């Protein structure tokens, strides 16, 4: 849920009922978690697609939506080191938002390495939401707590 322009909460997890707009929102990921995730769930096709990554590497998720007045809707989710796509100078001047850095600095002649897991799977009937995605004992676990269902996938690698 995110605050709308009118102050009322807006559910970012699904397309709105009257989708005739373009919007962009950002989310600071939970600082208490080691691993974070983004996912797209298509309940009609019973499919999930998403990413699992270290929160230390990517603190932000940008959500962008393009809902023109035609039947083709476009949604995007982007895990990132900064909250918005704005010029680098503006990001550096901002320094932080919600007490979290809004950029990741790469000193000259140095390297940064990061990894993520990509997953795509079928979900069981009745799987209607994704409450959690976690990495446990070499497995990616995708949970729908309300339906008491989960999907477990073998991870091809860890996230060290």
Protein backbone atom coordinates (compact mmCIF):
# COMPACT_ATOMS: atom_id res chain seq x y z
CA UNK A 1 0.00 0.00 0.00
CA UNK A 2 1.27 3.49 -0.85
CA UNK A 3 -0.14 6.95 -0.20
CA UNK A 4 -1.95 8.35 -3.24
CA UNK A 5 -1.96 11.99 -4.31
CA UNK A 6 -5.19 12.44 -2.35
CA UNK A 7 -3.65 10.84 0.76
CA UNK A 8 -5.72 7.66 0.46
CA UNK A 9 -3.87 4.32 0.28
CA UNK A 10 -3.26 2.82 -3.16
CA UNK A 11 -2.68 -0.91 -3.65
CA UNK A 12 0.42 -1.26 -5.87
CA UNK A 13 0.09 -5.04 -6.11
CA UNK A 14 -2.44 -5.03 -8.94
CA UNK A 15 -3.67 -2.92 -11.84
CA UNK A 16 -6.27 -0.33 -10.81
CA UNK A 17 -9.95 -0.65 -11.75
CA UNK A 18 -9.80 2.50 -13.91
CA UNK A 19 -6.35 2.16 -15.49
CA UNK A 20 -5.95 5.28 -17.61
CA UNK A 21 -2.74 6.81 -16.32
CA UNK A 22 1.03 6.59 -16.07
CA UNK A 23 2.57 6.36 -12.61
CA UNK A 24 5.86 5.74 -10.84
CA UNK A 25 6.39 4.78 -7.19
CA UNK A 26 9.30 3.54 -5.14
CA UNK A 27 9.58 1.20 -2.17
CA UNK A 28 12.36 0.98 0.40
CA UNK A 29 12.89 -2.70 1.06
CA UNK A 30 12.75 -4.07 4.60
CA UNK A 31 16.09 -3.37 6.36
CA UNK A 32 15.57 -6.34 8.69
CA UNK A 33 15.80 -8.84 5.82
CA UNK A 34 19.02 -10.25 4.37
CA UNK A 35 17.35 -11.27 1.10
CA UNK A 36 14.59 -9.39 -0.72
CA UNK A 37 12.45 -10.14 -3.74
CA UNK A 38 10.21 -8.84 -6.47
CA UNK A 39 7.64 -11.01 -8.21
CA UNK A 40 4.86 -10.92 -10.76
CA UNK A 41 1.99 -13.37 -10.36
CA UNK A 42 -0.46 -14.23 -13.13
CA UNK A 43 -3.30 -16.07 -11.40
CA UNK A 44 -5.08 -16.81 -14.69
CA UNK A 45 -2.04 -18.59 -16.09
CA UNK A 46 -1.00 -19.86 -12.64
CA UNK A 47 2.56 -18.57 -13.15
CA UNK A 48 5.05 -16.60 -11.08
CA UNK A 49 8.18 -14.81 -12.28
CA UNK A 50 10.59 -12.90 -10.09
CA UNK A 51 13.97 -12.20 -8.56
CA UNK A 52 15.60 -12.84 -5.20
CA UNK A 53 18.64 -10.75 -4.21
CA UNK A 54 20.64 -9.42 -1.27
CA UNK A 55 19.05 -6.33 0.22
CA UNK A 56 22.53 -4.96 0.89
CA UNK A 57 23.03 -4.78 -2.90
CA UNK A 58 19.62 -3.37 -3.84
CA UNK A 59 17.65 -1.35 -1.27
CA UNK A 60 14.91 -0.04 -3.54
CA UNK A 61 12.19 -1.30 -5.87
CA UNK A 62 10.82 1.08 -8.47
CA UNK A 63 7.28 0.40 -9.71
CA UNK A 64 6.21 1.96 -12.97
CA UNK A 65 2.86 1.59 -14.63
CA UNK A 66 1.65 2.64 -18.04
CA UNK A 67 -2.08 2.18 -18.37
CA UNK A 68 -3.09 3.95 -21.58
CA UNK A 69 -6.67 4.00 -22.76
CA UNK A 70 -6.10 0.80 -24.78
CA UNK A 71 -6.27 -2.88 -23.78
CA UNK A 72 -2.47 -3.27 -23.47
CA UNK A 73 -1.33 -2.53 -19.92
CA UNK A 74 2.36 -2.38 -18.99
CA UNK A 75 3.79 -2.74 -15.48
CA UNK A 76 7.39 -2.81 -14.46
CA UNK A 77 9.30 -3.57 -11.26
CA UNK A 78 12.95 -2.73 -11.02
CA UNK A 79 15.18 -3.57 -8.07
CA UNK A 80 17.75 -0.83 -7.81
CA UNK A 81 20.42 1.02 -5.87
CA UNK A 82 18.46 4.27 -6.14
CA UNK A 83 14.78 5.04 -5.59
CA UNK A 84 14.02 6.97 -8.80
CA UNK A 85 15.43 7.40 -12.29
CA UNK A 86 16.74 10.92 -11.88
CA UNK A 87 20.06 12.50 -12.88
CA UNK A 88 23.09 11.29 -10.91
CA UNK A 89 23.81 14.81 -9.56
CA UNK A 90 20.30 14.96 -8.07
CA UNK A 91 20.76 11.53 -6.49
CA UNK A 92 24.10 12.52 -4.91
CA UNK A 93 22.61 15.79 -3.65
CA UNK A 94 19.67 13.88 -2.13
CA UNK A 95 22.09 11.53 -0.31
CA UNK A 96 19.38 9.56 1.53
CA UNK A 97 15.65 9.03 1.84
CA UNK A 98 13.86 7.36 4.77
CA UNK A 99 17.30 7.12 6.47
CA UNK A 100 18.63 4.89 3.66
CA UNK A 101 21.26 5.69 1.02
CA UNK A 102 19.87 6.53 -2.43
CA UNK A 103 22.98 5.45 -4.33
CA UNK A 104 25.88 3.05 -4.12
CA UNK A 105 29.33 4.52 -4.58
CA UNK A 106 31.97 2.77 -6.71
CA UNK A 107 35.43 4.22 -5.99
CA UNK A 108 37.85 4.62 -8.92
CA UNK A 109 39.61 1.41 -10.02
CA UNK A 110 37.45 -0.78 -7.83
CA UNK A 111 34.84 -3.44 -8.45
CA UNK A 112 31.43 -4.28 -7.06
CA UNK A 113 29.98 -7.72 -7.56
CA UNK A 114 26.38 -8.65 -6.96
CA UNK A 115 24.25 -11.68 -7.73
CA UNK A 116 20.55 -12.45 -7.92
CA UNK A 117 18.36 -15.45 -8.55
CA UNK A 118 15.72 -15.44 -11.26
CA UNK A 119 12.77 -17.78 -10.87
CA UNK A 120 9.80 -18.76 -13.00
CA UNK A 121 7.35 -21.46 -11.99
CA UNK A 122 3.79 -22.71 -12.12
CA UNK A 123 1.76 -22.16 -8.95
CA UNK A 124 -1.00 -24.42 -7.62
CA UNK A 125 -4.72 -23.68 -7.97
CA UNK A 126 -5.84 -21.22 -5.33
CA UNK A 127 -2.47 -19.41 -5.18
CA UNK A 128 -3.64 -15.77 -5.27
CA UNK A 129 -0.90 -13.63 -3.72
CA UNK A 130 2.78 -13.73 -2.87
CA UNK A 131 3.46 -12.95 0.77
CA UNK A 132 7.09 -13.99 0.94
CA UNK A 133 9.99 -15.31 -1.09
CA UNK A 134 12.98 -16.66 0.76
CA UNK A 135 16.13 -18.70 0.28
CA UNK A 136 16.49 -21.65 2.67
CA UNK A 137 18.91 -24.58 2.42
CA UNK A 138 19.52 -24.11 -1.31
CA UNK A 139 15.83 -23.70 -2.13
CA UNK A 140 13.71 -20.74 -3.19
CA UNK A 141 10.39 -20.81 -1.32
CA UNK A 142 7.50 -18.73 -2.69
CA UNK A 143 4.64 -18.45 -0.19
CA UNK A 144 0.96 -17.54 -0.27
CA UNK A 145 0.21 -17.56 3.45
CA UNK A 146 -3.50 -16.74 3.10
CA UNK A 147 -4.05 -19.82 0.93
CA UNK A 148 -1.55 -21.86 2.99
CA UNK A 149 0.30 -22.78 -0.21
CA UNK A 150 3.90 -22.56 -1.36
CA UNK A 151 6.13 -23.37 -4.29
CA UNK A 152 9.63 -24.71 -3.62
CA UNK A 153 12.34 -24.52 -6.28
CA UNK A 154 15.94 -25.72 -6.26
CA UNK A 155 18.32 -22.73 -6.34
CA UNK A 156 21.12 -23.05 -8.88
CA UNK A 157 23.44 -21.07 -6.60
CA UNK A 158 23.56 -19.21 -3.32
CA UNK A 159 23.60 -15.47 -2.76
CA UNK A 160 26.85 -14.76 -0.92
